[in-house]
Amino acid sequence: MPDHYHVYILLCSDGTLYTGYTGNLSRRFKQHQSGAIPRSYTKSRRPVKLVWVKEFNTKDEARAYEKKVKRWATERKEKFIAEDKVQTAQIKGDMGIID
């Protein structure tokens, strides 16, 4: 069982945003980037860039927040991403994610 979970937003090559959650951010990002998940939204929209991420202590918290973010309009997500670049950069660095 993971120590923590992440909700994340990816910027796809076509300009769309994808929101998801995971217990292993590094592995999940690599899956998105490689197209390893056959029916994934991001498979045909690669390369992707991790533009926002937030850490949670439990899977339930992460899932609830993911659902909340998925309901937001694109403009709201973009504003949120712009306001939270420092936290995202720190987590990306900690996970070794280079995009």
N, C-alpha and C. Protein backbone atom coordinates (compact mmCIF):
# COMPACT_ATOMS: atom_id res chain seq x y z
N MET A 1 0.84 -1.18 0.00
CA MET A 1 0.00 0.00 0.00
C MET A 1 0.89 1.25 0.00
N PRO A 2 0.62 2.21 -0.89
CA PRO A 2 1.44 3.43 -0.98
C PRO A 2 1.37 4.28 0.29
N ASP A 3 2.44 5.04 0.53
CA ASP A 3 2.47 5.97 1.66
C ASP A 3 1.59 7.18 1.40
N HIS A 4 1.44 7.54 0.14
CA HIS A 4 0.62 8.68 -0.23
C HIS A 4 0.13 8.51 -1.67
N TYR A 5 -0.81 9.34 -2.02
CA TYR A 5 -1.43 9.30 -3.35
C TYR A 5 -1.32 10.69 -3.97
N HIS A 6 -1.41 10.73 -5.29
CA HIS A 6 -1.32 12.00 -6.00
C HIS A 6 -2.49 12.17 -6.96
N VAL A 7 -2.99 13.38 -7.03
CA VAL A 7 -3.90 13.79 -8.09
C VAL A 7 -3.03 14.64 -9.02
N TYR A 8 -3.17 14.43 -10.32
CA TYR A 8 -2.29 15.12 -11.26
C TYR A 8 -3.06 15.57 -12.49
N ILE A 9 -2.51 16.57 -13.16
CA ILE A 9 -3.04 17.04 -14.43
C ILE A 9 -1.91 16.99 -15.45
N LEU A 10 -2.20 16.39 -16.59
CA LEU A 10 -1.26 16.33 -17.70
C LEU A 10 -1.72 17.25 -18.82
N LEU A 11 -0.77 17.92 -19.44
CA LEU A 11 -1.04 18.67 -20.65
C LEU A 11 -0.68 17.76 -21.81
N CYS A 12 -1.66 17.46 -22.64
CA CYS A 12 -1.44 16.56 -23.77
C CYS A 12 -0.95 17.34 -24.98
N SER A 13 -0.39 16.65 -25.96
CA SER A 13 0.18 17.29 -27.15
C SER A 13 -0.85 18.04 -27.97
N ASP A 14 -2.13 17.68 -27.83
CA ASP A 14 -3.18 18.39 -28.57
C ASP A 14 -3.74 19.58 -27.79
N GLY A 15 -3.14 19.88 -26.62
CA GLY A 15 -3.57 21.02 -25.82
C GLY A 15 -4.64 20.72 -24.79
N THR A 16 -5.14 19.49 -24.77
CA THR A 16 -6.14 19.14 -23.78
C THR A 16 -5.48 18.78 -22.46
N LEU A 17 -6.28 18.78 -21.41
CA LEU A 17 -5.80 18.44 -20.07
C LEU A 17 -6.42 17.12 -19.63
N TYR A 18 -5.62 16.29 -19.01
CA TYR A 18 -6.07 15.00 -18.48
C TYR A 18 -5.83 15.01 -16.97
N THR A 19 -6.84 14.62 -16.21
CA THR A 19 -6.73 14.56 -14.75
C THR A 19 -6.84 13.12 -14.29
N GLY A 20 -5.97 12.72 -13.37
CA GLY A 20 -6.01 11.37 -12.83
C GLY A 20 -5.48 11.33 -11.42
N TYR A 21 -5.48 10.14 -10.82
CA TYR A 21 -4.89 9.95 -9.50
C TYR A 21 -4.13 8.64 -9.50
N THR A 22 -3.16 8.52 -8.60
CA THR A 22 -2.34 7.31 -8.55
C THR A 22 -1.64 7.18 -7.20
N GLY A 23 -1.24 5.99 -6.88
CA GLY A 23 -0.42 5.72 -5.71
C GLY A 23 1.06 5.65 -6.05
N ASN A 24 1.39 5.76 -7.35
CA ASN A 24 2.79 5.73 -7.78
C ASN A 24 2.93 6.69 -8.97
N LEU A 25 3.20 7.94 -8.67
CA LEU A 25 3.20 8.98 -9.69
C LEU A 25 4.27 8.74 -10.76
N SER A 26 5.45 8.36 -10.37
CA SER A 26 6.53 8.13 -11.33
C SER A 26 6.15 7.04 -12.33
N ARG A 27 5.67 5.91 -11.82
CA ARG A 27 5.29 4.79 -12.70
C ARG A 27 4.13 5.20 -13.61
N ARG A 28 3.13 5.87 -13.05
CA ARG A 28 1.95 6.24 -13.83
C ARG A 28 2.30 7.23 -14.93
N PHE A 29 3.18 8.19 -14.62
CA PHE A 29 3.59 9.15 -15.63
C PHE A 29 4.30 8.43 -16.79
N LYS A 30 5.17 7.49 -16.45
CA LYS A 30 5.88 6.72 -17.49
C LYS A 30 4.89 5.94 -18.35
N GLN A 31 3.83 5.41 -17.73
CA GLN A 31 2.81 4.69 -18.50
C GLN A 31 2.11 5.62 -19.49
N HIS A 32 1.75 6.81 -19.02
CA HIS A 32 1.12 7.79 -19.91
C HIS A 32 2.08 8.15 -21.05
N GLN A 33 3.33 8.43 -20.72
CA GLN A 33 4.31 8.90 -21.69
C GLN A 33 4.63 7.82 -22.74
N SER A 34 4.62 6.56 -22.34
CA SER A 34 4.97 5.48 -23.27
C SER A 34 3.77 4.94 -24.04
N GLY A 35 2.56 5.27 -23.59
CA GLY A 35 1.37 4.73 -24.23
C GLY A 35 1.09 3.29 -23.83
N ALA A 36 1.57 2.89 -22.66
CA ALA A 36 1.47 1.50 -22.19
C ALA A 36 0.04 1.06 -21.88
N ILE A 37 -0.88 1.98 -21.69
CA ILE A 37 -2.26 1.62 -21.37
C ILE A 37 -3.09 1.75 -22.65
N PRO A 38 -3.53 0.63 -23.20
CA PRO A 38 -4.14 0.60 -24.53
C PRO A 38 -5.29 1.59 -24.77
N ARG A 39 -6.22 1.72 -23.87
CA ARG A 39 -7.38 2.58 -24.12
C ARG A 39 -7.32 3.90 -23.36
N SER A 40 -6.14 4.28 -22.95
CA SER A 40 -5.96 5.53 -22.21
C SER A 40 -6.23 6.74 -23.09
N TYR A 41 -6.83 7.76 -22.51
CA TYR A 41 -7.08 9.03 -23.20
C TYR A 41 -5.78 9.60 -23.76
N THR A 42 -4.69 9.42 -23.03
CA THR A 42 -3.42 10.05 -23.40
C THR A 42 -2.63 9.29 -24.46
N LYS A 43 -3.00 8.05 -24.75
CA LYS A 43 -2.21 7.22 -25.67
C LYS A 43 -2.00 7.90 -27.03
N SER A 44 -3.04 8.48 -27.58
CA SER A 44 -2.93 9.13 -28.90
C SER A 44 -2.61 10.62 -28.78
N ARG A 45 -2.35 11.09 -27.57
CA ARG A 45 -2.10 12.52 -27.34
C ARG A 45 -0.72 12.77 -26.73
N ARG A 46 0.22 11.86 -27.02
CA ARG A 46 1.57 11.98 -26.50
C ARG A 46 2.42 12.84 -27.41
N PRO A 47 3.46 13.45 -26.85
CA PRO A 47 3.91 13.37 -25.47
C PRO A 47 3.04 14.20 -24.54
N VAL A 48 3.09 13.86 -23.27
CA VAL A 48 2.35 14.59 -22.24
C VAL A 48 3.34 15.28 -21.31
N LYS A 49 2.85 16.30 -20.64
CA LYS A 49 3.67 17.03 -19.68
C LYS A 49 2.90 17.13 -18.37
N LEU A 50 3.56 16.81 -17.27
CA LEU A 50 2.95 16.93 -15.96
C LEU A 50 2.96 18.40 -15.57
N VAL A 51 1.77 19.00 -15.48
CA VAL A 51 1.69 20.44 -15.22
C VAL A 51 1.16 20.78 -13.82
N TRP A 52 0.58 19.81 -13.13
CA TRP A 52 0.08 20.06 -11.79
C TRP A 52 -0.01 18.74 -11.04
N VAL A 53 0.32 18.78 -9.74
CA VAL A 53 0.20 17.59 -8.90
C VAL A 53 0.00 18.02 -7.45
N LYS A 54 -0.79 17.25 -6.74
CA LYS A 54 -1.03 17.48 -5.32
C LYS A 54 -1.01 16.14 -4.60
N GLU A 55 -0.42 16.12 -3.41
CA GLU A 55 -0.25 14.89 -2.63
C GLU A 55 -1.36 14.76 -1.58
N PHE A 56 -1.81 13.51 -1.37
CA PHE A 56 -2.83 13.19 -0.38
C PHE A 56 -2.39 12.00 0.45
N ASN A 57 -2.90 11.93 1.66
CA ASN A 57 -2.53 10.84 2.57
C ASN A 57 -3.28 9.55 2.31
N THR A 58 -4.49 9.65 1.76
CA THR A 58 -5.29 8.44 1.55
C THR A 58 -5.82 8.37 0.12
N LYS A 59 -6.12 7.17 -0.31
CA LYS A 59 -6.69 6.94 -1.63
C LYS A 59 -8.05 7.61 -1.75
N ASP A 60 -8.85 7.53 -0.70
CA ASP A 60 -10.18 8.14 -0.73
C ASP A 60 -10.10 9.65 -0.92
N GLU A 61 -9.16 10.31 -0.23
CA GLU A 61 -8.99 11.76 -0.39
C GLU A 61 -8.60 12.09 -1.83
N ALA A 62 -7.67 11.33 -2.37
CA ALA A 62 -7.20 11.57 -3.74
C ALA A 62 -8.32 11.35 -4.75
N ARG A 63 -9.07 10.29 -4.61
CA ARG A 63 -10.16 10.00 -5.55
C ARG A 63 -11.22 11.09 -5.50
N ALA A 64 -11.56 11.54 -4.30
CA ALA A 64 -12.57 12.59 -4.16
C ALA A 64 -12.09 13.90 -4.81
N TYR A 65 -10.83 14.23 -4.61
CA TYR A 65 -10.29 15.46 -5.19
C TYR A 65 -10.20 15.34 -6.71
N GLU A 66 -9.81 14.18 -7.20
CA GLU A 66 -9.76 13.96 -8.65
C GLU A 66 -11.14 14.20 -9.26
N LYS A 67 -12.17 13.66 -8.66
CA LYS A 67 -13.54 13.85 -9.18
C LYS A 67 -13.91 15.33 -9.20
N LYS A 68 -13.51 16.05 -8.16
CA LYS A 68 -13.79 17.48 -8.07
C LYS A 68 -13.09 18.23 -9.21
N VAL A 69 -11.80 17.96 -9.40
CA VAL A 69 -11.03 18.65 -10.44
C VAL A 69 -11.55 18.31 -11.83
N LYS A 70 -11.96 17.07 -12.05
CA LYS A 70 -12.47 16.67 -13.37
C LYS A 70 -13.73 17.46 -13.76
N ARG A 71 -14.47 17.95 -12.77
CA ARG A 71 -15.69 18.71 -13.06
C ARG A 71 -15.40 20.18 -13.41
N TRP A 72 -14.19 20.63 -13.14
CA TRP A 72 -13.85 22.03 -13.41
C TRP A 72 -13.74 22.30 -14.90
N ALA A 73 -14.06 23.53 -15.30
CA ALA A 73 -13.85 23.97 -16.67
C ALA A 73 -12.35 24.08 -16.93
N THR A 74 -11.97 23.99 -18.18
CA THR A 74 -10.56 24.08 -18.56
C THR A 74 -9.93 25.37 -18.06
N GLU A 75 -10.65 26.49 -18.16
CA GLU A 75 -10.11 27.78 -17.72
C GLU A 75 -9.78 27.76 -16.23
N ARG A 76 -10.61 27.13 -15.44
CA ARG A 76 -10.34 27.04 -14.00
C ARG A 76 -9.11 26.17 -13.74
N LYS A 77 -8.99 25.06 -14.44
CA LYS A 77 -7.81 24.20 -14.30
C LYS A 77 -6.54 24.96 -14.68
N GLU A 78 -6.59 25.70 -15.76
CA GLU A 78 -5.42 26.46 -16.21
C GLU A 78 -5.00 27.50 -15.17
N LYS A 79 -5.96 28.16 -14.57
CA LYS A 79 -5.66 29.15 -13.52
C LYS A 79 -5.04 28.45 -12.30
N PHE A 80 -5.59 27.33 -11.94
CA PHE A 80 -5.10 26.55 -10.81
C PHE A 80 -3.66 26.10 -11.06
N ILE A 81 -3.38 25.64 -12.27
CA ILE A 81 -2.04 25.19 -12.65
C ILE A 81 -1.04 26.36 -12.52
N ALA A 82 -1.43 27.51 -13.04
CA ALA A 82 -0.55 28.68 -13.01
C ALA A 82 -0.22 29.13 -11.58
N GLU A 83 -1.16 28.96 -10.67
CA GLU A 83 -0.97 29.41 -9.30
C GLU A 83 -0.17 28.43 -8.44
N ASP A 84 0.04 27.23 -8.91
CA ASP A 84 0.64 26.19 -8.06
C ASP A 84 1.89 25.55 -8.66
N LYS A 85 2.67 26.32 -9.39
CA LYS A 85 3.85 25.77 -10.08
C LYS A 85 4.96 25.33 -9.13
N VAL A 86 5.12 26.01 -7.99
CA VAL A 86 6.21 25.69 -7.07
C VAL A 86 6.01 24.29 -6.47
N GLN A 87 4.82 24.00 -5.99
CA GLN A 87 4.54 22.68 -5.40
C GLN A 87 4.71 21.59 -6.45
N THR A 88 4.21 21.83 -7.63
CA THR A 88 4.34 20.84 -8.70
C THR A 88 5.80 20.58 -9.04
N ALA A 89 6.60 21.62 -9.15
CA ALA A 89 8.02 21.46 -9.46
C ALA A 89 8.73 20.66 -8.38
N GLN A 90 8.39 20.90 -7.13
CA GLN A 90 9.01 20.17 -6.01
C GLN A 90 8.67 18.67 -6.09
N ILE A 91 7.41 18.34 -6.30
CA ILE A 91 7.00 16.94 -6.36
C ILE A 91 7.60 16.26 -7.58
N LYS A 92 7.61 16.94 -8.72
CA LYS A 92 8.22 16.37 -9.92
C LYS A 92 9.69 16.05 -9.67
N GLY A 93 10.39 16.98 -9.02
CA GLY A 93 11.79 16.75 -8.70
C GLY A 93 11.99 15.58 -7.77
N ASP A 94 11.15 15.49 -6.75
CA ASP A 94 11.24 14.39 -5.79
C ASP A 94 11.00 13.04 -6.46
N MET A 95 10.14 13.01 -7.48
CA MET A 95 9.80 11.77 -8.18
C MET A 95 10.72 11.50 -9.37
N GLY A 96 11.58 12.44 -9.69
CA GLY A 96 12.47 12.25 -10.84
C GLY A 96 11.76 12.33 -12.17
N ILE A 97 10.69 13.11 -12.22
CA ILE A 97 9.91 13.22 -13.45
C ILE A 97 10.45 14.39 -14.28
N ILE A 98 10.89 14.06 -15.47
CA ILE A 98 11.38 15.06 -16.42
C ILE A 98 10.50 14.95 -17.64
N ASP A 99 9.85 16.05 -17.98
CA ASP A 99 8.98 16.00 -19.16
C ASP A 99 9.30 17.10 -20.13
